[in-house]
Amino acid sequence: MSNKKNCWTLINLGYNNVVVKEKIVAVVSPDAAPIKRLKEEARQSKKLIDATSGRRARAVIITESNHVILASVQPETIAQRFK
């Protein structure tokens, strides 16, 4: 058995919300029609996570597990936090 522990890096989404960096597939703007459809499909399949704390969604994060996370910070801000 390996003694190696999972070490994940957390990305701050603001308002006490974080996401695991290694699980993110894409960070996109919520304005495009395909992204709006993706959000609705995720809502129907119970895979939509709202991390906006009641604010406007400015970024949509797609994860390996096909969860869709709404964030109130810009995609560019999230990309900067990857560094």
N, C-alpha and C. Protein backbone atom coordinates (compact mmCIF):
# COMPACT_ATOMS: atom_id res chain seq x y z
N MET A 1 0.82 -1.17 0.00
CA MET A 1 0.00 0.00 0.00
C MET A 1 0.88 1.25 0.00
N SER A 2 0.50 2.23 -0.78
CA SER A 2 1.28 3.45 -0.90
C SER A 2 0.95 4.41 0.23
N ASN A 3 1.97 5.11 0.70
CA ASN A 3 1.79 6.13 1.74
C ASN A 3 1.56 7.51 1.14
N LYS A 4 1.51 7.60 -0.17
CA LYS A 4 1.33 8.89 -0.84
C LYS A 4 -0.08 9.42 -0.59
N LYS A 5 -0.17 10.67 -0.13
CA LYS A 5 -1.45 11.30 0.13
C LYS A 5 -1.86 12.12 -1.09
N ASN A 6 -3.18 12.26 -1.28
CA ASN A 6 -3.67 13.13 -2.33
C ASN A 6 -3.42 14.57 -1.91
N CYS A 7 -2.69 15.30 -2.73
CA CYS A 7 -2.43 16.71 -2.47
C CYS A 7 -3.10 17.51 -3.57
N TRP A 8 -4.19 18.15 -3.22
CA TRP A 8 -4.93 18.93 -4.19
C TRP A 8 -4.69 20.40 -3.95
N THR A 9 -4.70 21.14 -5.03
CA THR A 9 -4.59 22.59 -4.95
C THR A 9 -5.99 23.17 -5.07
N LEU A 10 -6.33 24.07 -4.18
CA LEU A 10 -7.65 24.68 -4.20
C LEU A 10 -7.57 26.05 -4.85
N ILE A 11 -8.56 26.35 -5.70
CA ILE A 11 -8.67 27.66 -6.35
C ILE A 11 -9.82 28.41 -5.67
N ASN A 12 -9.54 29.62 -5.21
CA ASN A 12 -10.54 30.43 -4.53
C ASN A 12 -11.48 31.05 -5.56
N LEU A 13 -12.78 30.84 -5.37
CA LEU A 13 -13.79 31.42 -6.25
C LEU A 13 -14.44 32.65 -5.62
N GLY A 14 -14.00 33.01 -4.44
CA GLY A 14 -14.57 34.14 -3.73
C GLY A 14 -15.71 33.71 -2.85
N TYR A 15 -16.03 34.55 -1.85
CA TYR A 15 -17.15 34.32 -0.96
C TYR A 15 -17.08 32.95 -0.27
N ASN A 16 -15.88 32.56 0.16
CA ASN A 16 -15.63 31.31 0.88
C ASN A 16 -15.94 30.06 0.06
N ASN A 17 -15.78 30.14 -1.25
CA ASN A 17 -15.97 28.99 -2.13
C ASN A 17 -14.66 28.65 -2.81
N VAL A 18 -14.35 27.36 -2.87
CA VAL A 18 -13.13 26.90 -3.53
C VAL A 18 -13.46 25.68 -4.40
N VAL A 19 -12.58 25.41 -5.36
CA VAL A 19 -12.73 24.24 -6.22
C VAL A 19 -11.34 23.61 -6.37
N VAL A 20 -11.29 22.29 -6.57
CA VAL A 20 -10.03 21.58 -6.72
C VAL A 20 -9.48 21.83 -8.13
N LYS A 21 -8.30 22.43 -8.18
CA LYS A 21 -7.66 22.82 -9.45
C LYS A 21 -7.50 21.64 -10.40
N GLU A 22 -7.10 20.51 -9.89
CA GLU A 22 -6.81 19.34 -10.72
C GLU A 22 -8.06 18.72 -11.35
N LYS A 23 -9.22 19.09 -10.89
CA LYS A 23 -10.48 18.53 -11.42
C LYS A 23 -11.13 19.41 -12.47
N ILE A 24 -10.59 20.62 -12.69
CA ILE A 24 -11.18 21.56 -13.64
C ILE A 24 -10.78 21.19 -15.07
N VAL A 25 -11.78 21.14 -15.96
CA VAL A 25 -11.54 20.88 -17.38
C VAL A 25 -11.55 22.18 -18.16
N ALA A 26 -12.49 23.10 -17.84
CA ALA A 26 -12.60 24.35 -18.57
C ALA A 26 -13.21 25.43 -17.69
N VAL A 27 -12.84 26.68 -18.00
CA VAL A 27 -13.45 27.86 -17.38
C VAL A 27 -13.89 28.75 -18.54
N VAL A 28 -15.19 29.00 -18.63
CA VAL A 28 -15.74 29.72 -19.78
C VAL A 28 -16.70 30.82 -19.33
N SER A 29 -17.00 31.70 -20.26
CA SER A 29 -17.98 32.77 -20.03
C SER A 29 -19.38 32.19 -20.13
N PRO A 30 -20.32 32.67 -19.32
CA PRO A 30 -21.67 32.10 -19.32
C PRO A 30 -22.59 32.64 -20.41
N ASP A 31 -22.11 33.54 -21.26
CA ASP A 31 -22.98 34.24 -22.20
C ASP A 31 -23.36 33.47 -23.46
N ALA A 32 -22.54 32.53 -23.89
CA ALA A 32 -22.80 31.81 -25.14
C ALA A 32 -23.97 30.84 -24.99
N ALA A 33 -24.72 30.69 -26.07
CA ALA A 33 -25.89 29.80 -26.06
C ALA A 33 -25.55 28.35 -25.69
N PRO A 34 -24.44 27.77 -26.21
CA PRO A 34 -24.12 26.39 -25.81
C PRO A 34 -23.85 26.25 -24.31
N ILE A 35 -23.28 27.27 -23.70
CA ILE A 35 -23.01 27.23 -22.26
C ILE A 35 -24.32 27.34 -21.49
N LYS A 36 -25.24 28.15 -21.98
CA LYS A 36 -26.56 28.23 -21.34
C LYS A 36 -27.27 26.89 -21.39
N ARG A 37 -27.17 26.18 -22.51
CA ARG A 37 -27.76 24.84 -22.61
C ARG A 37 -27.07 23.88 -21.65
N LEU A 38 -25.75 23.97 -21.58
CA LEU A 38 -24.99 23.11 -20.68
C LEU A 38 -25.41 23.34 -19.22
N LYS A 39 -25.61 24.60 -18.84
CA LYS A 39 -26.07 24.91 -17.48
C LYS A 39 -27.43 24.30 -17.21
N GLU A 40 -28.34 24.39 -18.16
CA GLU A 40 -29.68 23.84 -17.98
C GLU A 40 -29.65 22.32 -17.88
N GLU A 41 -28.83 21.67 -18.70
CA GLU A 41 -28.68 20.21 -18.64
C GLU A 41 -28.12 19.80 -17.28
N ALA A 42 -27.13 20.56 -16.79
CA ALA A 42 -26.54 20.25 -15.48
C ALA A 42 -27.57 20.44 -14.38
N ARG A 43 -28.39 21.46 -14.49
CA ARG A 43 -29.44 21.70 -13.49
C ARG A 43 -30.41 20.52 -13.45
N GLN A 44 -30.82 20.06 -14.62
CA GLN A 44 -31.78 18.95 -14.69
C GLN A 44 -31.19 17.65 -14.15
N SER A 45 -29.89 17.45 -14.35
CA SER A 45 -29.25 16.22 -13.88
C SER A 45 -28.63 16.37 -12.49
N LYS A 46 -28.97 17.47 -11.81
CA LYS A 46 -28.50 17.73 -10.44
C LYS A 46 -26.98 17.82 -10.35
N LYS A 47 -26.34 18.37 -11.39
CA LYS A 47 -24.89 18.54 -11.38
C LYS A 47 -24.48 20.01 -11.49
N LEU A 48 -25.41 20.89 -11.19
CA LEU A 48 -25.11 22.32 -11.21
C LEU A 48 -24.84 22.78 -9.79
N ILE A 49 -23.71 23.47 -9.60
CA ILE A 49 -23.32 23.99 -8.30
C ILE A 49 -23.23 25.51 -8.43
N ASP A 50 -24.01 26.21 -7.64
CA ASP A 50 -24.03 27.66 -7.67
C ASP A 50 -23.13 28.19 -6.56
N ALA A 51 -21.96 28.73 -6.94
CA ALA A 51 -21.01 29.27 -5.97
C ALA A 51 -20.95 30.80 -6.09
N THR A 52 -22.06 31.41 -6.49
CA THR A 52 -22.09 32.86 -6.70
C THR A 52 -22.50 33.64 -5.45
N SER A 53 -23.02 32.98 -4.46
CA SER A 53 -23.53 33.64 -3.25
C SER A 53 -24.55 34.72 -3.60
N GLY A 54 -25.42 34.41 -4.53
CA GLY A 54 -26.49 35.32 -4.91
C GLY A 54 -26.11 36.40 -5.90
N ARG A 55 -24.89 36.37 -6.37
CA ARG A 55 -24.44 37.37 -7.34
C ARG A 55 -24.56 36.84 -8.76
N ARG A 56 -24.32 37.70 -9.72
CA ARG A 56 -24.39 37.32 -11.13
C ARG A 56 -23.26 36.35 -11.47
N ALA A 57 -23.57 35.31 -12.23
CA ALA A 57 -22.54 34.35 -12.67
C ALA A 57 -21.73 34.98 -13.78
N ARG A 58 -20.42 35.05 -13.59
CA ARG A 58 -19.52 35.62 -14.59
C ARG A 58 -18.60 34.58 -15.19
N ALA A 59 -18.58 33.39 -14.59
CA ALA A 59 -17.76 32.30 -15.12
C ALA A 59 -18.48 30.98 -14.87
N VAL A 60 -18.27 30.05 -15.77
CA VAL A 60 -18.80 28.70 -15.65
C VAL A 60 -17.61 27.75 -15.66
N ILE A 61 -17.51 26.92 -14.64
CA ILE A 61 -16.41 25.96 -14.51
C ILE A 61 -16.97 24.57 -14.77
N ILE A 62 -16.29 23.85 -15.65
CA ILE A 62 -16.69 22.47 -15.97
C ILE A 62 -15.63 21.55 -15.41
N THR A 63 -16.08 20.51 -14.69
CA THR A 63 -15.15 19.60 -14.03
C THR A 63 -15.09 18.24 -14.73
N GLU A 64 -14.13 17.43 -14.30
CA GLU A 64 -13.96 16.08 -14.85
C GLU A 64 -15.22 15.24 -14.68
N SER A 65 -15.94 15.45 -13.60
CA SER A 65 -17.13 14.65 -13.29
C SER A 65 -18.39 15.22 -13.95
N ASN A 66 -18.22 16.18 -14.87
CA ASN A 66 -19.32 16.84 -15.58
C ASN A 66 -20.18 17.71 -14.68
N HIS A 67 -19.66 18.08 -13.53
CA HIS A 67 -20.35 19.08 -12.71
C HIS A 67 -20.09 20.44 -13.34
N VAL A 68 -21.07 21.32 -13.25
CA VAL A 68 -20.96 22.67 -13.76
C VAL A 68 -21.08 23.61 -12.57
N ILE A 69 -20.05 24.45 -12.38
CA ILE A 69 -19.99 25.35 -11.23
C ILE A 69 -20.11 26.78 -11.74
N LEU A 70 -21.03 27.52 -11.14
CA LEU A 70 -21.19 28.94 -11.47
C LEU A 70 -20.38 29.75 -10.47
N ALA A 71 -19.58 30.69 -10.99
CA ALA A 71 -18.76 31.55 -10.13
C ALA A 71 -19.04 33.01 -10.45
N SER A 72 -18.90 33.86 -9.45
CA SER A 72 -19.19 35.28 -9.65
C SER A 72 -17.95 36.09 -10.03
N VAL A 73 -16.81 35.44 -10.22
CA VAL A 73 -15.60 36.13 -10.67
C VAL A 73 -15.39 35.85 -12.16
N GLN A 74 -14.66 36.73 -12.82
CA GLN A 74 -14.40 36.60 -14.25
C GLN A 74 -13.52 35.38 -14.55
N PRO A 75 -13.69 34.76 -15.74
CA PRO A 75 -12.82 33.63 -16.12
C PRO A 75 -11.34 34.00 -16.08
N GLU A 76 -11.01 35.23 -16.46
CA GLU A 76 -9.62 35.68 -16.44
C GLU A 76 -9.05 35.69 -15.02
N THR A 77 -9.89 36.06 -14.05
CA THR A 77 -9.46 36.06 -12.66
C THR A 77 -9.16 34.65 -12.18
N ILE A 78 -10.02 33.72 -12.55
CA ILE A 78 -9.80 32.31 -12.17
C ILE A 78 -8.53 31.80 -12.83
N ALA A 79 -8.32 32.15 -14.10
CA ALA A 79 -7.10 31.72 -14.80
C ALA A 79 -5.84 32.26 -14.10
N GLN A 80 -5.89 33.50 -13.62
CA GLN A 80 -4.75 34.07 -12.90
C GLN A 80 -4.48 33.30 -11.60
N ARG A 81 -5.51 32.80 -10.98
CA ARG A 81 -5.35 32.08 -9.72
C ARG A 81 -4.76 30.68 -9.93
N PHE A 82 -4.70 30.22 -11.17
CA PHE A 82 -4.06 28.95 -11.47
C PHE A 82 -2.55 29.06 -11.30
N LYS A 83 -2.01 30.24 -11.41
CA LYS A 83 -0.54 30.43 -11.38
C LYS A 83 0.00 30.44 -9.99
